[in-house]
Structure formats: C-alpha cells, structure tokens
Amino acid sequence: MKKSENLVQYINKNNLEVRKSKPFKNKKSDKMNKVIVKNGGETRERIAEDPKTPVKILRELAKDEYWVIRYEVTGNPKTPVEILKELAKDEDERVRRRVAEFLKELAEG
C-alpha cells in the first residue's frame, strides 16, 4: 500500500470484499473496523500471515483484540522489528513465545 493510499483504496485495487465485523479496540483503527474478506473466506488471520500485507495493515493487526491475529503478525516476514518489540510485551503468553522463537530463528539464521 502506498503512503497516499488508504485502506479503502487498497481493498478496491486488490478486488477485496469488505464485510462488517466486531470493531477493533484501537480507536485509531476506524478503517480497520471491518474484516477484509477475499474469495469469501480470507480473514484477518490470513491477512496477518500474508507476506503481501502492507506494514501499515500489520501495524493495525498487531493491536487486534484477538491473540491469534497478533500471533500471526509475529510470524509475518514483513513485520518490522518495532512491532515485534511491542508484541514481545503482549498480554498473551503464546504471542510472546512466538516472538521469542521468531527472533531466535533470525539470530541463528
């Protein structure tokens, strides 16, 4: 996603469908208050793990109220270190553990 491109333009450009969902807790995420659905089944979880997902979207998904979404963000190769540092302090142990494993793999490899 280009800096000048907002989420709605990104959705339209990539032929994604938008369906209403439970709102994100983060008030800055107004544009993310919908689930992006591609081919009738792609959820925030799939978007979080997709290496094609723009960093701007990953940043929002890293604040998702559901741990599994934040968990998938940690495994995305496009997730910047500053997001991983924040997720390393996540309230959910599974997310923190995944960050630690990911950073260990990076260091080893």
C-alpha atoms as a PDB file:
ATOM      1  CA  MET A   1       0.000   0.000   0.000  1.00  0.00           C
ATOM      2  CA  LYS A   2       1.372   3.392  -0.965  1.00  0.00           C
ATOM      3  CA  LYS A   3       1.509   6.114   1.679  1.00  0.00           C
ATOM      4  CA  SER A   4      -1.151   8.116  -0.141  1.00  0.00           C
ATOM      5  CA  GLU A   5      -3.373   5.060  -0.484  1.00  0.00           C
ATOM      6  CA  ASN A   6      -5.896   4.427   2.266  1.00  0.00           C
ATOM      7  CA  LEU A   7      -7.349   1.080   3.237  1.00  0.00           C
ATOM      8  CA  VAL A   8     -10.482   1.500   1.113  1.00  0.00           C
ATOM      9  CA  GLN A   9      -8.374   2.201  -1.993  1.00  0.00           C
ATOM     10  CA  TYR A  10      -6.190  -0.806  -1.174  1.00  0.00           C
ATOM     11  CA  ILE A  11      -9.274  -3.027  -0.860  1.00  0.00           C
ATOM     12  CA  ASN A  12     -10.713  -1.794  -4.157  1.00  0.00           C
ATOM     13  CA  LYS A  13      -7.404  -2.081  -6.022  1.00  0.00           C
ATOM     14  CA  ASN A  14      -6.950  -5.672  -4.884  1.00  0.00           C
ATOM     15  CA  ASN A  15     -10.542  -6.704  -5.537  1.00  0.00           C
ATOM     16  CA  LEU A  16     -11.236  -7.491  -1.898  1.00  0.00           C
ATOM     17  CA  GLU A  17     -14.682  -7.680  -0.380  1.00  0.00           C
ATOM     18  CA  VAL A  18     -15.448  -5.987   2.900  1.00  0.00           C
ATOM     19  CA  ARG A  19     -17.795  -7.396   5.487  1.00  0.00           C
ATOM     20  CA  LYS A  20     -18.691  -5.803   8.805  1.00  0.00           C
ATOM     21  CA  SER A  21     -17.122  -7.336  11.846  1.00  0.00           C
ATOM     22  CA  LYS A  22     -16.599  -6.723  15.516  1.00  0.00           C
ATOM     23  CA  PRO A  23     -14.761  -3.398  15.904  1.00  0.00           C
ATOM     24  CA  PHE A  24     -11.121  -3.245  16.877  1.00  0.00           C
ATOM     25  CA  LYS A  25     -10.469  -1.867  20.343  1.00  0.00           C
ATOM     26  CA  ASN A  26      -7.968   0.651  18.986  1.00  0.00           C
ATOM     27  CA  LYS A  27      -9.863   3.881  18.242  1.00  0.00           C
ATOM     28  CA  LYS A  28      -7.323   4.849  15.577  1.00  0.00           C
ATOM     29  CA  SER A  29      -8.374   1.788  13.618  1.00  0.00           C
ATOM     30  CA  ASP A  30     -11.620   3.156  12.200  1.00  0.00           C
ATOM     31  CA  LYS A  31     -10.723   1.956   8.729  1.00  0.00           C
ATOM     32  CA  MET A  32      -9.917  -1.476  10.127  1.00  0.00           C
ATOM     33  CA  ASN A  33     -13.322  -1.858  11.775  1.00  0.00           C
ATOM     34  CA  LYS A  34     -14.270  -4.290   9.064  1.00  0.00           C
ATOM     35  CA  VAL A  35     -12.968  -7.726   8.206  1.00  0.00           C
ATOM     36  CA  ILE A  36     -11.369  -7.890   4.783  1.00  0.00           C
ATOM     37  CA  VAL A  37     -12.604 -10.970   3.010  1.00  0.00           C
ATOM     38  CA  LYS A  38     -11.118 -12.222  -0.252  1.00  0.00           C
ATOM     39  CA  ASN A  39     -12.718 -15.085  -2.179  1.00  0.00           C
ATOM     40  CA  GLY A  40     -15.378 -15.313   0.521  1.00  0.00           C
ATOM     41  CA  GLY A  41     -13.060 -16.718   3.199  1.00  0.00           C
ATOM     42  CA  GLU A  42      -9.942 -14.673   3.892  1.00  0.00           C
ATOM     43  CA  THR A  43      -9.996 -13.386   7.468  1.00  0.00           C
ATOM     44  CA  ARG A  44      -7.844 -11.028   9.499  1.00  0.00           C
ATOM     45  CA  GLU A  45      -5.797 -14.083  10.472  1.00  0.00           C
ATOM     46  CA  ARG A  46      -4.922 -14.848   6.863  1.00  0.00           C
ATOM     47  CA  ILE A  47      -4.204 -11.197   6.168  1.00  0.00           C
ATOM     48  CA  ALA A  48      -1.893 -11.064   9.213  1.00  0.00           C
ATOM     49  CA  GLU A  49       0.168 -14.009   7.957  1.00  0.00           C
ATOM     50  CA  ASP A  50       0.249 -12.948   4.291  1.00  0.00           C
ATOM     51  CA  PRO A  51       3.706 -11.599   3.309  1.00  0.00           C
ATOM     52  CA  LYS A  52       1.986  -9.296   0.792  1.00  0.00           C
ATOM     53  CA  THR A  53       0.145  -7.451   3.552  1.00  0.00           C
ATOM     54  CA  PRO A  54       1.375  -3.858   3.841  1.00  0.00           C
ATOM     55  CA  VAL A  55       3.205  -2.901   7.039  1.00  0.00           C
ATOM     56  CA  LYS A  56       0.554  -0.256   7.740  1.00  0.00           C
ATOM     57  CA  ILE A  57      -2.081  -3.008   7.971  1.00  0.00           C
ATOM     58  CA  LEU A  58       0.217  -5.264  10.038  1.00  0.00           C
ATOM     59  CA  ARG A  59       0.675  -2.390  12.477  1.00  0.00           C
ATOM     60  CA  GLU A  60      -3.104  -2.255  12.991  1.00  0.00           C
ATOM     61  CA  LEU A  61      -3.490  -6.035  13.175  1.00  0.00           C
ATOM     62  CA  ALA A  62      -0.774  -6.142  15.861  1.00  0.00           C
ATOM     63  CA  LYS A  63      -3.295  -4.273  18.059  1.00  0.00           C
ATOM     64  CA  ASP A  64      -6.149  -6.677  17.362  1.00  0.00           C
ATOM     65  CA  GLU A  65      -8.139  -7.800  20.381  1.00  0.00           C
ATOM     66  CA  TYR A  66      -7.765 -11.485  19.427  1.00  0.00           C
ATOM     67  CA  TRP A  67      -4.459 -13.111  20.347  1.00  0.00           C
ATOM     68  CA  VAL A  68      -4.430 -15.374  17.291  1.00  0.00           C
ATOM     69  CA  ILE A  69      -4.338 -12.341  14.972  1.00  0.00           C
ATOM     70  CA  ARG A  70      -1.423 -10.827  16.901  1.00  0.00           C
ATOM     71  CA  TYR A  71       0.219 -14.290  16.881  1.00  0.00           C
ATOM     72  CA  GLU A  72       0.068 -14.442  13.081  1.00  0.00           C
ATOM     73  CA  VAL A  73       1.509 -10.924  12.787  1.00  0.00           C
ATOM     74  CA  THR A  74       4.592 -12.139  14.693  1.00  0.00           C
ATOM     75  CA  GLY A  75       5.285 -14.777  12.045  1.00  0.00           C
ATOM     76  CA  ASN A  76       4.907 -12.470   9.077  1.00  0.00           C
ATOM     77  CA  PRO A  77       8.341 -11.861   7.499  1.00  0.00           C
ATOM     78  CA  LYS A  78       7.281  -8.299   6.688  1.00  0.00           C
ATOM     79  CA  THR A  79       6.574  -7.388  10.323  1.00  0.00           C
ATOM     80  CA  PRO A  80       9.067  -4.697  11.377  1.00  0.00           C
ATOM     81  CA  VAL A  81      11.224  -5.164  14.484  1.00  0.00           C
ATOM     82  CA  GLU A  82       9.475  -2.294  16.305  1.00  0.00           C
ATOM     83  CA  ILE A  83       6.164  -4.156  16.045  1.00  0.00           C
ATOM     84  CA  LEU A  84       7.809  -7.370  17.238  1.00  0.00           C
ATOM     85  CA  LYS A  85       9.251  -5.487  20.225  1.00  0.00           C
ATOM     86  CA  GLU A  86       5.748  -4.364  21.171  1.00  0.00           C
ATOM     87  CA  LEU A  87       4.342  -7.858  20.690  1.00  0.00           C
ATOM     88  CA  ALA A  88       7.147  -9.247  22.884  1.00  0.00           C
ATOM     89  CA  LYS A  89       5.302  -7.482  25.731  1.00  0.00           C
ATOM     90  CA  ASP A  90       1.887  -8.833  24.689  1.00  0.00           C
ATOM     91  CA  GLU A  91      -0.578  -9.889  27.377  1.00  0.00           C
ATOM     92  CA  ASP A  92      -0.853 -13.361  25.823  1.00  0.00           C
ATOM     93  CA  GLU A  93       1.970 -15.790  26.537  1.00  0.00           C
ATOM     94  CA  ARG A  94       1.544 -17.559  23.163  1.00  0.00           C
ATOM     95  CA  VAL A  95       2.207 -14.304  21.314  1.00  0.00           C
ATOM     96  CA  ARG A  96       5.262 -13.510  23.465  1.00  0.00           C
ATOM     97  CA  ARG A  97       6.601 -17.041  22.954  1.00  0.00           C
ATOM     98  CA  ARG A  98       6.172 -16.811  19.180  1.00  0.00           C
ATOM     99  CA  VAL A  99       8.079 -13.520  19.092  1.00  0.00           C
ATOM    100  CA  ALA A 100      10.920 -15.109  21.086  1.00  0.00           C
ATOM    101  CA  GLU A 101      11.023 -18.127  18.742  1.00  0.00           C
ATOM    102  CA  PHE A 102      10.964 -15.898  15.656  1.00  0.00           C
ATOM    103  CA  LEU A 103      13.791 -13.690  16.948  1.00  0.00           C
ATOM    104  CA  LYS A 104      15.830 -16.775  17.904  1.00  0.00           C
ATOM    105  CA  GLU A 105      15.440 -18.154  14.367  1.00  0.00           C
ATOM    106  CA  LEU A 106      16.549 -14.803  12.932  1.00  0.00           C
ATOM    107  CA  ALA A 107      19.639 -14.768  15.150  1.00  0.00           C
ATOM    108  CA  GLU A 108      20.565 -18.332  14.193  1.00  0.00           C
ATOM    109  CA  GLY A 109      19.963 -17.998  10.623  1.00  0.00           C
END
